Amino acid sequence: MILVSDVCELIQFENVRLDPDRLKTLYHQMGESGAEEVVCRAIEELAVRLSHCERLWHKRDIEGLRKSARSLVAISEQIGMTMLARVAGDVTKSIDQYDLAAIGATLYRLLRIGERSLVAVWDLQDLSL
């Protein structure tokens, strides 16, 4: 017999990967103010699209979810969020295979990594001030 005290909670934690060289290149190419503007707009857009992906999943709008996840790849690559780009690509691949369990799992991994990535890039910006 399994008792409630025998149940354990799975706490999911993943490190995020940022490409600081990509950010340095962006700052070198665009200058400080131009790069900061691009990064800020990208962060805002990523936050909006991550939230949109979750809403689309709840609505079961798989085609809309694919489009939104795919757009996350390009935006996150632009500012060096390599892990976020990779997982957004995994969501897209899961959708292409129409594997609902994989879509749900990769989507919620995307949301976790997205949140942590946004915080990490914001913290990097604070360090440069």
C-alpha atoms as a PDB file:
ATOM      1  CA  MET A   1       0.000   0.000   0.000  1.00  0.00           C
ATOM      2  CA  ILE A   2       1.319   3.450  -0.954  1.00  0.00           C
ATOM      3  CA  LEU A   3       0.880   6.115   1.671  1.00  0.00           C
ATOM      4  CA  VAL A   4       0.656   9.825   1.068  1.00  0.00           C
ATOM      5  CA  SER A   5       3.930  10.219   2.925  1.00  0.00           C
ATOM      6  CA  ASP A   6       5.552   7.953   0.280  1.00  0.00           C
ATOM      7  CA  VAL A   7       4.714  10.335  -2.578  1.00  0.00           C
ATOM      8  CA  CYS A   8       7.482  12.705  -3.544  1.00  0.00           C
ATOM      9  CA  GLU A   9       7.286  15.923  -5.464  1.00  0.00           C
ATOM     10  CA  LEU A  10       9.298  16.310  -8.650  1.00  0.00           C
ATOM     11  CA  ILE A  11      10.850  19.754  -8.767  1.00  0.00           C
ATOM     12  CA  GLN A  12      11.966  20.582 -12.272  1.00  0.00           C
ATOM     13  CA  PHE A  13      14.966  22.831 -12.553  1.00  0.00           C
ATOM     14  CA  GLU A  14      17.079  23.418 -15.623  1.00  0.00           C
ATOM     15  CA  ASN A  15      19.967  25.715 -16.233  1.00  0.00           C
ATOM     16  CA  VAL A  16      19.484  28.086 -19.113  1.00  0.00           C
ATOM     17  CA  ARG A  17      22.118  28.810 -21.702  1.00  0.00           C
ATOM     18  CA  LEU A  18      22.821  32.287 -22.933  1.00  0.00           C
ATOM     19  CA  ASP A  19      25.394  33.047 -25.591  1.00  0.00           C
ATOM     20  CA  PRO A  20      27.228  36.093 -24.251  1.00  0.00           C
ATOM     21  CA  ASP A  21      29.238  36.288 -27.480  1.00  0.00           C
ATOM     22  CA  ARG A  22      26.013  36.830 -29.414  1.00  0.00           C
ATOM     23  CA  LEU A  23      25.104  39.722 -27.126  1.00  0.00           C
ATOM     24  CA  LYS A  24      28.633  41.179 -27.445  1.00  0.00           C
ATOM     25  CA  THR A  25      28.369  40.983 -31.230  1.00  0.00           C
ATOM     26  CA  LEU A  26      24.986  42.670 -31.127  1.00  0.00           C
ATOM     27  CA  TYR A  27      26.362  45.479 -28.957  1.00  0.00           C
ATOM     28  CA  HIS A  28      29.398  45.835 -31.229  1.00  0.00           C
ATOM     29  CA  GLN A  29      27.267  45.986 -34.400  1.00  0.00           C
ATOM     30  CA  MET A  30      24.549  48.283 -33.124  1.00  0.00           C
ATOM     31  CA  GLY A  31      26.176  50.284 -30.382  1.00  0.00           C
ATOM     32  CA  GLU A  32      25.013  50.286 -26.788  1.00  0.00           C
ATOM     33  CA  SER A  33      21.713  52.124 -27.181  1.00  0.00           C
ATOM     34  CA  GLY A  34      20.725  50.276 -30.362  1.00  0.00           C
ATOM     35  CA  ALA A  35      21.532  46.874 -28.887  1.00  0.00           C
ATOM     36  CA  GLU A  36      19.712  47.663 -25.636  1.00  0.00           C
ATOM     37  CA  GLU A  37      16.655  48.647 -27.627  1.00  0.00           C
ATOM     38  CA  VAL A  38      16.763  45.397 -29.620  1.00  0.00           C
ATOM     39  CA  VAL A  39      17.253  43.307 -26.479  1.00  0.00           C
ATOM     40  CA  CYS A  40      14.434  45.065 -24.612  1.00  0.00           C
ATOM     41  CA  ARG A  41      12.034  44.654 -27.532  1.00  0.00           C
ATOM     42  CA  ALA A  42      13.036  41.005 -27.904  1.00  0.00           C
ATOM     43  CA  ILE A  43      12.489  40.331 -24.194  1.00  0.00           C
ATOM     44  CA  GLU A  44       9.043  41.933 -24.336  1.00  0.00           C
ATOM     45  CA  GLU A  45       8.123  40.002 -27.479  1.00  0.00           C
ATOM     46  CA  LEU A  46       9.361  36.711 -26.022  1.00  0.00           C
ATOM     47  CA  ALA A  47       7.287  37.213 -22.882  1.00  0.00           C
ATOM     48  CA  VAL A  48       4.176  37.955 -24.946  1.00  0.00           C
ATOM     49  CA  ARG A  49       4.698  34.995 -27.270  1.00  0.00           C
ATOM     50  CA  LEU A  50       5.422  32.551 -24.452  1.00  0.00           C
ATOM     51  CA  SER A  51       2.149  33.531 -22.815  1.00  0.00           C
ATOM     52  CA  HIS A  52       0.409  33.292 -26.174  1.00  0.00           C
ATOM     53  CA  CYS A  53       1.781  29.763 -26.694  1.00  0.00           C
ATOM     54  CA  GLU A  54       0.270  28.641 -23.399  1.00  0.00           C
ATOM     55  CA  ARG A  55      -3.125  30.148 -24.300  1.00  0.00           C
ATOM     56  CA  LEU A  56      -3.045  28.478 -27.718  1.00  0.00           C
ATOM     57  CA  TRP A  57      -2.314  25.106 -26.103  1.00  0.00           C
ATOM     58  CA  HIS A  58      -5.306  25.478 -23.788  1.00  0.00           C
ATOM     59  CA  LYS A  59      -7.479  26.401 -26.780  1.00  0.00           C
ATOM     60  CA  ARG A  60      -6.078  23.379 -28.677  1.00  0.00           C
ATOM     61  CA  ASP A  61      -5.015  25.676 -31.521  1.00  0.00           C
ATOM     62  CA  ILE A  62      -2.103  23.495 -32.612  1.00  0.00           C
ATOM     63  CA  GLU A  63      -1.419  25.334 -35.872  1.00  0.00           C
ATOM     64  CA  GLY A  64      -1.342  28.688 -34.080  1.00  0.00           C
ATOM     65  CA  LEU A  65       0.914  27.172 -31.426  1.00  0.00           C
ATOM     66  CA  ARG A  66       3.318  25.955 -34.115  1.00  0.00           C
ATOM     67  CA  LYS A  67       3.515  29.417 -35.662  1.00  0.00           C
ATOM     68  CA  SER A  68       4.080  31.085 -32.301  1.00  0.00           C
ATOM     69  CA  ALA A  69       6.707  28.550 -31.168  1.00  0.00           C
ATOM     70  CA  ARG A  70       8.517  28.861 -34.490  1.00  0.00           C
ATOM     71  CA  SER A  71       8.699  32.638 -34.102  1.00  0.00           C
ATOM     72  CA  LEU A  72      10.326  32.163 -30.693  1.00  0.00           C
ATOM     73  CA  VAL A  73      13.273  30.419 -32.368  1.00  0.00           C
ATOM     74  CA  ALA A  74      14.330  33.443 -34.428  1.00  0.00           C
ATOM     75  CA  ILE A  75      13.755  35.997 -31.677  1.00  0.00           C
ATOM     76  CA  SER A  76      15.640  34.034 -29.024  1.00  0.00           C
ATOM     77  CA  GLU A  77      18.562  33.287 -31.363  1.00  0.00           C
ATOM     78  CA  GLN A  78      18.876  36.993 -32.113  1.00  0.00           C
ATOM     79  CA  ILE A  79      19.750  37.780 -28.498  1.00  0.00           C
ATOM     80  CA  GLY A  80      21.710  34.640 -27.634  1.00  0.00           C
ATOM     81  CA  MET A  81      19.063  32.541 -25.884  1.00  0.00           C
ATOM     82  CA  THR A  82      20.308  29.288 -27.381  1.00  0.00           C
ATOM     83  CA  MET A  83      18.499  26.913 -25.015  1.00  0.00           C
ATOM     84  CA  LEU A  84      15.194  28.698 -25.510  1.00  0.00           C
ATOM     85  CA  ALA A  85      15.626  28.564 -29.293  1.00  0.00           C
ATOM     86  CA  ARG A  86      16.399  24.844 -29.168  1.00  0.00           C
ATOM     87  CA  VAL A  87      13.387  23.970 -27.015  1.00  0.00           C
ATOM     88  CA  ALA A  88      11.067  26.134 -29.149  1.00  0.00           C
ATOM     89  CA  GLY A  89      12.332  24.109 -32.102  1.00  0.00           C
ATOM     90  CA  ASP A  90      11.545  20.909 -30.166  1.00  0.00           C
ATOM     91  CA  VAL A  91       7.959  22.122 -29.672  1.00  0.00           C
ATOM     92  CA  THR A  92       7.695  22.742 -33.409  1.00  0.00           C
ATOM     93  CA  LYS A  93       9.030  19.251 -34.189  1.00  0.00           C
ATOM     94  CA  SER A  94       6.563  17.682 -31.750  1.00  0.00           C
ATOM     95  CA  ILE A  95       3.734  19.515 -33.464  1.00  0.00           C
ATOM     96  CA  ASP A  96       4.950  18.344 -36.876  1.00  0.00           C
ATOM     97  CA  GLN A  97       4.794  14.763 -35.571  1.00  0.00           C
ATOM     98  CA  TYR A  98       1.394  15.480 -33.978  1.00  0.00           C
ATOM     99  CA  ASP A  99       2.450  13.833 -30.735  1.00  0.00           C
ATOM    100  CA  LEU A 100       0.154  15.474 -28.159  1.00  0.00           C
ATOM    101  CA  ALA A 101       2.049  14.124 -25.144  1.00  0.00           C
ATOM    102  CA  ALA A 102       5.345  15.397 -26.545  1.00  0.00           C
ATOM    103  CA  ILE A 103       3.796  18.748 -27.441  1.00  0.00           C
ATOM    104  CA  GLY A 104       2.538  19.244 -23.890  1.00  0.00           C
ATOM    105  CA  ALA A 105       5.824  18.156 -22.330  1.00  0.00           C
ATOM    106  CA  THR A 106       8.036  20.272 -24.574  1.00  0.00           C
ATOM    107  CA  LEU A 107       5.716  23.260 -24.344  1.00  0.00           C
ATOM    108  CA  TYR A 108       5.852  23.324 -20.549  1.00  0.00           C
ATOM    109  CA  ARG A 109       9.607  22.865 -20.699  1.00  0.00           C
ATOM    110  CA  LEU A 110       9.670  25.848 -23.080  1.00  0.00           C
ATOM    111  CA  LEU A 111       7.656  27.930 -20.612  1.00  0.00           C
ATOM    112  CA  ARG A 112       9.993  27.055 -17.713  1.00  0.00           C
ATOM    113  CA  ILE A 113      13.124  27.769 -19.721  1.00  0.00           C
ATOM    114  CA  GLY A 114      11.573  30.886 -21.206  1.00  0.00           C
ATOM    115  CA  GLU A 115      10.902  32.374 -17.808  1.00  0.00           C
ATOM    116  CA  ARG A 116      14.401  31.588 -16.564  1.00  0.00           C
ATOM    117  CA  SER A 117      15.985  32.873 -19.790  1.00  0.00           C
ATOM    118  CA  LEU A 118      14.163  36.184 -19.590  1.00  0.00           C
ATOM    119  CA  VAL A 119      15.379  36.666 -16.036  1.00  0.00           C
ATOM    120  CA  ALA A 120      18.934  35.678 -17.002  1.00  0.00           C
ATOM    121  CA  VAL A 121      19.201  38.088 -19.924  1.00  0.00           C
ATOM    122  CA  TRP A 122      17.667  40.859 -17.841  1.00  0.00           C
ATOM    123  CA  ASP A 123      20.242  40.195 -15.124  1.00  0.00           C
ATOM    124  CA  LEU A 124      23.037  40.331 -17.724  1.00  0.00           C
ATOM    125  CA  GLN A 125      21.773  43.713 -18.835  1.00  0.00           C
ATOM    126  CA  ASP A 126      21.809  44.942 -15.235  1.00  0.00           C
ATOM    127  CA  LEU A 127      25.446  43.865 -14.913  1.00  0.00           C
ATOM    128  CA  SER A 128      26.427  45.957 -17.919  1.00  0.00           C
ATOM    129  CA  LEU A 129      25.000  49.171 -16.401  1.00  0.00           C
END
